[in-house]
Amino acid sequence: MKAGICFTGTGPILLLTTYTSFVDAELLKKFESKGIKKFILYEVPVEKVKAKYGMHYDIVLGDLKQESDLRVLDYDGHHVFYLFPLKELGEPVIYDGVA
C-alpha cells in the first residue's frame, strides 16, 4: 500500500494505491482516465495518513482491492495542503505526461 499527495492542475489530492510505483504504466492509465495527465506527487507514510484520517481511512481502505487499484482518500485540496507539513515531504515524483 502506498499513499501520496498528488498536485494536479486543480490542486492537491490524497491517494491510496496498491501499485508499487506511482509511475506504473497501468496506474498512469487510471490517472489519465480521471483527467490527471501530469502531476507532482509526494509519497507520504501510510501510518501518518491512517493517524490523520482515522475511520475515513479504514472505510476507503475497505473498498480498495488487494491489487491494481487506486482510491482518492481526500479531494479537498485545501484540507490536504494544510494537513501535511511541506518540510516533511521527500523527493517528488514528477510526471509530465510522457511515459
N, C-alpha and C. Protein backbone atom coordinates (compact mmCIF):
# COMPACT_ATOMS: atom_id res chain seq x y z
N MET A 1 0.84 -1.17 0.00
CA MET A 1 0.00 0.00 0.00
C MET A 1 0.89 1.24 0.00
N LYS A 2 0.52 2.19 -0.84
CA LYS A 2 1.22 3.47 -0.90
C LYS A 2 0.20 4.59 -0.76
N ALA A 3 0.65 5.69 -0.18
CA ALA A 3 -0.17 6.90 -0.08
C ALA A 3 0.65 8.04 -0.66
N GLY A 4 -0.03 8.97 -1.31
CA GLY A 4 0.68 10.09 -1.89
C GLY A 4 -0.19 11.33 -2.03
N ILE A 5 0.45 12.48 -1.89
CA ILE A 5 -0.20 13.76 -2.17
C ILE A 5 0.14 14.10 -3.60
N CYS A 6 -0.88 14.18 -4.42
CA CYS A 6 -0.72 14.41 -5.84
C CYS A 6 -1.17 15.83 -6.18
N PHE A 7 -0.23 16.66 -6.60
CA PHE A 7 -0.53 18.02 -7.02
C PHE A 7 -0.87 17.99 -8.51
N THR A 8 -2.11 18.33 -8.81
CA THR A 8 -2.60 18.32 -10.18
C THR A 8 -2.98 19.74 -10.58
N GLY A 9 -3.53 19.90 -11.76
CA GLY A 9 -3.93 21.21 -12.23
C GLY A 9 -5.02 21.85 -11.40
N THR A 10 -5.79 21.04 -10.68
CA THR A 10 -6.88 21.59 -9.86
C THR A 10 -6.54 21.63 -8.38
N GLY A 11 -5.32 21.25 -8.02
CA GLY A 11 -4.91 21.28 -6.62
C GLY A 11 -4.54 19.90 -6.13
N PRO A 12 -4.10 19.81 -4.86
CA PRO A 12 -3.66 18.52 -4.33
C PRO A 12 -4.82 17.60 -3.96
N ILE A 13 -4.58 16.30 -4.14
CA ILE A 13 -5.48 15.26 -3.68
C ILE A 13 -4.64 14.21 -2.96
N LEU A 14 -5.26 13.48 -2.07
CA LEU A 14 -4.55 12.43 -1.34
C LEU A 14 -5.01 11.08 -1.87
N LEU A 15 -4.06 10.26 -2.32
CA LEU A 15 -4.35 8.99 -2.96
C LEU A 15 -3.87 7.81 -2.13
N LEU A 16 -4.56 6.70 -2.29
CA LEU A 16 -4.10 5.40 -1.81
C LEU A 16 -4.04 4.47 -3.01
N THR A 17 -3.00 3.67 -3.08
CA THR A 17 -2.91 2.73 -4.20
C THR A 17 -2.21 1.45 -3.77
N THR A 18 -2.54 0.39 -4.45
CA THR A 18 -1.87 -0.89 -4.24
C THR A 18 -0.71 -1.07 -5.21
N TYR A 19 -0.56 -0.16 -6.17
CA TYR A 19 0.56 -0.25 -7.11
C TYR A 19 1.88 0.00 -6.37
N THR A 20 2.95 -0.61 -6.83
CA THR A 20 4.25 -0.45 -6.17
C THR A 20 4.97 0.81 -6.60
N SER A 21 4.51 1.44 -7.68
CA SER A 21 5.14 2.66 -8.18
C SER A 21 4.06 3.64 -8.64
N PHE A 22 4.27 4.91 -8.36
CA PHE A 22 3.31 5.92 -8.79
C PHE A 22 3.42 6.23 -10.29
N VAL A 23 4.42 5.65 -10.96
CA VAL A 23 4.53 5.82 -12.41
C VAL A 23 4.39 4.49 -13.14
N ASP A 24 3.75 3.53 -12.49
CA ASP A 24 3.40 2.27 -13.14
C ASP A 24 2.51 2.58 -14.34
N ALA A 25 2.76 1.94 -15.46
CA ALA A 25 2.02 2.24 -16.69
C ALA A 25 0.51 2.08 -16.52
N GLU A 26 0.08 1.06 -15.81
CA GLU A 26 -1.36 0.84 -15.60
C GLU A 26 -1.95 1.91 -14.68
N LEU A 27 -1.19 2.31 -13.66
CA LEU A 27 -1.66 3.38 -12.77
C LEU A 27 -1.76 4.70 -13.53
N LEU A 28 -0.80 4.98 -14.40
CA LEU A 28 -0.86 6.20 -15.20
C LEU A 28 -2.10 6.22 -16.09
N LYS A 29 -2.52 5.06 -16.57
CA LYS A 29 -3.76 4.99 -17.35
C LYS A 29 -4.97 5.34 -16.48
N LYS A 30 -4.96 4.88 -15.24
CA LYS A 30 -6.06 5.22 -14.32
C LYS A 30 -6.06 6.72 -14.02
N PHE A 31 -4.87 7.28 -13.81
CA PHE A 31 -4.79 8.73 -13.60
C PHE A 31 -5.39 9.47 -14.79
N GLU A 32 -4.98 9.06 -15.99
CA GLU A 32 -5.46 9.73 -17.19
C GLU A 32 -6.98 9.61 -17.33
N SER A 33 -7.54 8.47 -16.96
CA SER A 33 -9.00 8.29 -17.04
C SER A 33 -9.72 9.22 -16.08
N LYS A 34 -9.01 9.69 -15.04
CA LYS A 34 -9.58 10.65 -14.09
C LYS A 34 -9.22 12.09 -14.46
N GLY A 35 -8.61 12.27 -15.64
CA GLY A 35 -8.26 13.60 -16.11
C GLY A 35 -6.91 14.11 -15.62
N ILE A 36 -6.13 13.25 -14.98
CA ILE A 36 -4.81 13.64 -14.46
C ILE A 36 -3.77 13.21 -15.48
N LYS A 37 -3.27 14.19 -16.24
CA LYS A 37 -2.32 13.89 -17.32
C LYS A 37 -0.89 14.28 -16.97
N LYS A 38 -0.74 15.11 -15.96
CA LYS A 38 0.59 15.45 -15.44
C LYS A 38 0.43 15.79 -13.97
N PHE A 39 1.49 15.54 -13.20
CA PHE A 39 1.38 15.76 -11.76
C PHE A 39 2.76 15.83 -11.11
N ILE A 40 2.74 16.34 -9.91
CA ILE A 40 3.87 16.27 -8.99
C ILE A 40 3.32 15.55 -7.77
N LEU A 41 3.96 14.46 -7.37
CA LEU A 41 3.43 13.63 -6.30
C LEU A 41 4.48 13.39 -5.23
N TYR A 42 4.07 13.49 -3.99
CA TYR A 42 4.94 13.21 -2.85
C TYR A 42 4.37 12.02 -2.10
N GLU A 43 5.17 10.97 -1.96
CA GLU A 43 4.72 9.84 -1.16
C GLU A 43 4.71 10.25 0.31
N VAL A 44 3.71 9.82 1.03
CA VAL A 44 3.61 10.08 2.47
C VAL A 44 3.43 8.74 3.17
N PRO A 45 3.96 8.62 4.38
CA PRO A 45 3.85 7.34 5.10
C PRO A 45 2.38 6.98 5.35
N VAL A 46 2.03 5.75 5.03
CA VAL A 46 0.67 5.28 5.22
C VAL A 46 0.26 5.40 6.68
N GLU A 47 1.19 5.17 7.60
CA GLU A 47 0.87 5.26 9.03
C GLU A 47 0.41 6.67 9.41
N LYS A 48 1.06 7.69 8.84
CA LYS A 48 0.66 9.08 9.12
C LYS A 48 -0.71 9.38 8.54
N VAL A 49 -0.97 8.86 7.35
CA VAL A 49 -2.27 9.07 6.71
C VAL A 49 -3.36 8.42 7.57
N LYS A 50 -3.11 7.20 8.00
CA LYS A 50 -4.08 6.50 8.83
C LYS A 50 -4.34 7.25 10.13
N ALA A 51 -3.28 7.76 10.75
CA ALA A 51 -3.44 8.50 12.01
C ALA A 51 -4.25 9.79 11.81
N LYS A 52 -4.07 10.45 10.69
CA LYS A 52 -4.75 11.72 10.44
C LYS A 52 -6.20 11.53 9.99
N TYR A 53 -6.49 10.42 9.31
CA TYR A 53 -7.82 10.23 8.73
C TYR A 53 -8.69 9.22 9.48
N GLY A 54 -8.10 8.42 10.35
CA GLY A 54 -8.85 7.51 11.20
C GLY A 54 -9.86 6.64 10.48
N MET A 55 -11.12 6.74 10.89
CA MET A 55 -12.20 5.90 10.37
C MET A 55 -12.39 6.09 8.86
N HIS A 56 -12.22 7.31 8.36
CA HIS A 56 -12.37 7.55 6.92
C HIS A 56 -11.34 6.73 6.14
N TYR A 57 -10.12 6.66 6.65
CA TYR A 57 -9.08 5.84 6.03
C TYR A 57 -9.53 4.38 5.98
N ASP A 58 -10.04 3.87 7.10
CA ASP A 58 -10.47 2.47 7.16
C ASP A 58 -11.59 2.18 6.17
N ILE A 59 -12.53 3.11 6.03
CA ILE A 59 -13.64 2.94 5.10
C ILE A 59 -13.14 2.87 3.67
N VAL A 60 -12.27 3.81 3.30
CA VAL A 60 -11.73 3.83 1.93
C VAL A 60 -10.86 2.60 1.69
N LEU A 61 -10.06 2.23 2.67
CA LEU A 61 -9.19 1.06 2.54
C LEU A 61 -10.03 -0.20 2.37
N GLY A 62 -11.16 -0.28 3.05
CA GLY A 62 -12.03 -1.44 2.94
C GLY A 62 -12.59 -1.60 1.54
N ASP A 63 -12.64 -0.52 0.79
CA ASP A 63 -13.15 -0.55 -0.58
C ASP A 63 -12.03 -0.77 -1.60
N LEU A 64 -10.80 -0.78 -1.13
CA LEU A 64 -9.64 -0.92 -2.02
C LEU A 64 -9.37 -2.39 -2.30
N LYS A 65 -9.27 -2.75 -3.56
CA LYS A 65 -8.97 -4.13 -3.93
C LYS A 65 -7.54 -4.45 -3.52
N GLN A 66 -7.24 -5.72 -3.47
CA GLN A 66 -5.92 -6.14 -3.00
C GLN A 66 -4.79 -5.79 -3.95
N GLU A 67 -5.07 -5.65 -5.24
CA GLU A 67 -4.01 -5.30 -6.18
C GLU A 67 -4.57 -4.47 -7.32
N SER A 68 -3.71 -3.72 -7.93
CA SER A 68 -4.06 -2.92 -9.11
C SER A 68 -5.24 -2.00 -8.86
N ASP A 69 -5.17 -1.21 -7.81
CA ASP A 69 -6.29 -0.34 -7.51
C ASP A 69 -5.78 1.04 -7.06
N LEU A 70 -6.70 1.99 -7.14
CA LEU A 70 -6.42 3.39 -6.80
C LEU A 70 -7.67 3.98 -6.17
N ARG A 71 -7.51 4.71 -5.07
CA ARG A 71 -8.63 5.42 -4.44
C ARG A 71 -8.17 6.82 -4.05
N VAL A 72 -9.07 7.76 -4.19
CA VAL A 72 -8.83 9.12 -3.71
C VAL A 72 -9.37 9.17 -2.29
N LEU A 73 -8.48 9.41 -1.34
CA LEU A 73 -8.86 9.47 0.07
C LEU A 73 -9.42 10.85 0.41
N ASP A 74 -8.83 11.89 -0.19
CA ASP A 74 -9.29 13.26 0.09
C ASP A 74 -9.06 14.11 -1.14
N TYR A 75 -10.13 14.72 -1.64
CA TYR A 75 -10.02 15.59 -2.81
C TYR A 75 -10.21 17.06 -2.44
N ASP A 76 -10.29 17.36 -1.14
CA ASP A 76 -10.37 18.74 -0.68
C ASP A 76 -8.94 19.29 -0.61
N GLY A 77 -8.52 19.93 -1.68
CA GLY A 77 -7.14 20.40 -1.80
C GLY A 77 -6.67 21.25 -0.65
N HIS A 78 -7.52 22.14 -0.17
CA HIS A 78 -7.17 23.00 0.97
C HIS A 78 -6.86 22.15 2.20
N HIS A 79 -7.70 21.16 2.46
CA HIS A 79 -7.51 20.28 3.61
C HIS A 79 -6.21 19.48 3.48
N VAL A 80 -5.99 18.88 2.32
CA VAL A 80 -4.79 18.08 2.10
C VAL A 80 -3.54 18.95 2.23
N PHE A 81 -3.57 20.13 1.63
CA PHE A 81 -2.41 21.01 1.61
C PHE A 81 -1.98 21.40 3.02
N TYR A 82 -2.94 21.69 3.90
CA TYR A 82 -2.61 22.16 5.23
C TYR A 82 -2.47 21.05 6.26
N LEU A 83 -2.83 19.83 5.93
CA LEU A 83 -2.75 18.72 6.88
C LEU A 83 -1.34 18.13 6.99
N PHE A 84 -0.56 18.23 5.92
CA PHE A 84 0.78 17.64 5.90
C PHE A 84 1.83 18.74 5.79
N PRO A 85 2.79 18.80 6.73
CA PRO A 85 3.85 19.81 6.65
C PRO A 85 4.72 19.61 5.40
N LEU A 86 4.89 20.66 4.64
CA LEU A 86 5.67 20.57 3.40
C LEU A 86 7.12 20.19 3.65
N LYS A 87 7.68 20.63 4.76
CA LYS A 87 9.09 20.33 5.04
C LYS A 87 9.32 18.84 5.32
N GLU A 88 8.23 18.09 5.58
CA GLU A 88 8.36 16.66 5.82
C GLU A 88 8.23 15.83 4.54
N LEU A 89 7.87 16.48 3.44
CA LEU A 89 7.72 15.75 2.18
C LEU A 89 9.10 15.49 1.58
N GLY A 90 9.27 14.33 1.00
CA GLY A 90 10.56 13.96 0.41
C GLY A 90 10.68 14.43 -1.02
N GLU A 91 11.41 13.66 -1.79
CA GLU A 91 11.62 13.97 -3.20
C GLU A 91 10.33 13.71 -3.98
N PRO A 92 10.01 14.60 -4.90
CA PRO A 92 8.77 14.41 -5.66
C PRO A 92 8.93 13.42 -6.80
N VAL A 93 7.81 12.84 -7.17
CA VAL A 93 7.70 12.07 -8.40
C VAL A 93 7.05 13.02 -9.39
N ILE A 94 7.74 13.33 -10.47
CA ILE A 94 7.22 14.28 -11.45
C ILE A 94 6.87 13.52 -12.73
N TYR A 95 5.62 13.67 -13.15
CA TYR A 95 5.18 13.05 -14.38
C TYR A 95 4.63 14.16 -15.27
N ASP A 96 5.21 14.31 -16.43
CA ASP A 96 4.88 15.42 -17.31
C ASP A 96 4.07 14.97 -18.54
N GLY A 97 3.37 13.85 -18.40
CA GLY A 97 2.51 13.40 -19.49
C GLY A 97 3.20 12.57 -20.53
N VAL A 98 4.45 12.22 -20.31
CA VAL A 98 5.20 11.40 -21.25
C VAL A 98 5.72 10.19 -20.51
N ALA A 99 5.30 9.00 -20.95
CA ALA A 99 5.74 7.77 -20.27
C ALA A 99 7.19 7.45 -20.57
